[in-house]
């Protein structure tokens, strides 16, 4: 398995974790760890043009906790050039994200 890491994602920020064209369509796990001293509120979504499709919406991740999504949570998506971006937005807090893919 290969992993992609994003550390220190902070509040009020929307960030692409995967951009359409990265061709990472074989995601096995997404781990989101709260690394702040307060609760994190996280939205994780697929984006294409002006449309967003939420996997999580304003999900509270408590201090010291990690949320793990797997294939049972419907995290598979088309990440080709004509596919989707995977984005994260925090309304509060700071998180690290690890994306594990099958190789």
Protein backbone atom coordinates (compact mmCIF):
# COMPACT_ATOMS: atom_id res chain seq x y z
CA UNK A 1 0.00 0.00 0.00
CA UNK A 2 1.11 3.54 -0.71
CA UNK A 3 0.18 6.53 1.44
CA UNK A 4 -0.31 10.24 0.87
CA UNK A 5 -0.03 12.59 3.85
CA UNK A 6 -1.33 16.08 4.54
CA UNK A 7 -0.34 17.62 7.87
CA UNK A 8 -1.37 20.73 9.75
CA UNK A 9 -4.59 21.46 7.88
CA UNK A 10 -6.12 24.33 9.84
CA UNK A 11 -9.50 25.92 10.44
CA UNK A 12 -11.41 27.94 7.86
CA UNK A 13 -9.38 26.38 5.05
CA UNK A 14 -10.62 24.36 2.08
CA UNK A 15 -7.85 22.21 0.65
CA UNK A 16 -7.60 19.74 -2.20
CA UNK A 17 -6.37 16.42 -0.85
CA UNK A 18 -6.51 14.92 -4.34
CA UNK A 19 -6.90 16.92 -7.54
CA UNK A 20 -8.72 15.57 -10.59
CA UNK A 21 -6.02 14.06 -12.77
CA UNK A 22 -3.95 12.65 -9.88
CA UNK A 23 -5.37 9.23 -10.90
CA UNK A 24 -5.66 8.00 -7.30
CA UNK A 25 -8.95 6.13 -7.71
CA UNK A 26 -7.95 3.15 -5.56
CA UNK A 27 -8.28 4.67 -2.05
CA UNK A 28 -8.50 2.04 0.67
CA UNK A 29 -8.52 4.19 3.85
CA UNK A 30 -8.72 7.87 4.79
CA UNK A 31 -7.58 8.71 8.31
CA UNK A 32 -8.29 12.15 9.81
CA UNK A 33 -6.57 12.84 13.15
CA UNK A 34 -7.37 15.82 15.37
CA UNK A 35 -4.00 17.36 16.25
CA UNK A 36 -5.34 20.44 18.05
CA UNK A 37 -6.21 21.22 21.66
CA UNK A 38 -9.88 21.64 20.76
CA UNK A 39 -12.52 19.79 18.76
CA UNK A 40 -12.20 19.79 14.97
CA UNK A 41 -15.21 20.16 12.69
CA UNK A 42 -14.50 18.58 9.32
CA UNK A 43 -16.26 18.38 5.97
CA UNK A 44 -14.83 15.94 3.43
CA UNK A 45 -16.28 16.06 -0.06
CA UNK A 46 -15.91 15.26 -3.73
CA UNK A 47 -15.93 18.27 -6.04
CA UNK A 48 -16.46 18.69 -9.75
CA UNK A 49 -17.00 22.18 -11.11
CA UNK A 50 -19.60 23.94 -8.96
CA UNK A 51 -20.93 20.69 -7.45
CA UNK A 52 -19.95 19.21 -4.08
CA UNK A 53 -20.83 15.71 -2.87
CA UNK A 54 -20.26 15.29 0.88
CA UNK A 55 -18.77 12.20 2.48
CA UNK A 56 -18.72 14.05 5.84
CA UNK A 57 -20.39 17.35 6.68
CA UNK A 58 -19.22 19.34 9.69
CA UNK A 59 -18.27 16.10 11.51
CA UNK A 60 -16.97 16.67 15.03
CA UNK A 61 -13.66 14.93 15.75
CA UNK A 62 -12.88 15.27 19.43
CA UNK A 63 -9.49 16.15 20.92
CA UNK A 64 -7.03 13.29 20.53
CA UNK A 65 -9.34 11.28 18.25
CA UNK A 66 -8.89 9.85 14.79
CA UNK A 67 -11.68 9.16 12.31
CA UNK A 68 -11.00 6.40 9.79
CA UNK A 69 -13.05 5.87 6.65
CA UNK A 70 -12.71 2.70 4.61
CA UNK A 71 -14.18 1.19 1.47
CA UNK A 72 -17.41 0.38 3.34
CA UNK A 73 -17.87 4.15 3.73
CA UNK A 74 -18.11 4.62 -0.07
CA UNK A 75 -14.79 6.43 -0.50
CA UNK A 76 -14.13 5.08 -4.01
CA UNK A 77 -14.42 7.70 -6.75
CA UNK A 78 -13.10 8.62 -10.19
CA UNK A 79 -9.99 10.79 -9.78
CA UNK A 80 -9.02 10.88 -13.46
CA UNK A 81 -8.72 14.14 -15.40
CA UNK A 82 -12.49 14.10 -16.01
CA UNK A 83 -13.22 12.92 -12.45
CA UNK A 84 -13.45 14.50 -9.02
CA UNK A 85 -11.27 16.44 -6.59
CA UNK A 86 -11.24 15.24 -2.97
CA UNK A 87 -11.42 18.26 -0.68
CA UNK A 88 -11.44 18.91 3.03
CA UNK A 89 -12.76 21.96 4.88
CA UNK A 90 -12.36 22.68 8.56
CA UNK A 91 -14.69 25.00 10.43
CA UNK A 92 -12.48 24.71 13.53
CA UNK A 93 -9.37 22.88 14.65
CA UNK A 94 -6.33 21.31 13.01
CA UNK A 95 -6.02 17.85 11.49
CA UNK A 96 -3.58 15.54 9.75
CA UNK A 97 -4.90 13.37 6.92
CA UNK A 98 -3.44 10.09 5.65
CA UNK A 99 -4.81 8.55 2.47
CA UNK A 100 -3.86 4.90 1.98
CA UNK A 101 -4.27 3.37 -1.41
CA UNK A 102 -3.99 -0.09 -2.87
CA UNK A 103 -1.07 -0.62 -5.23
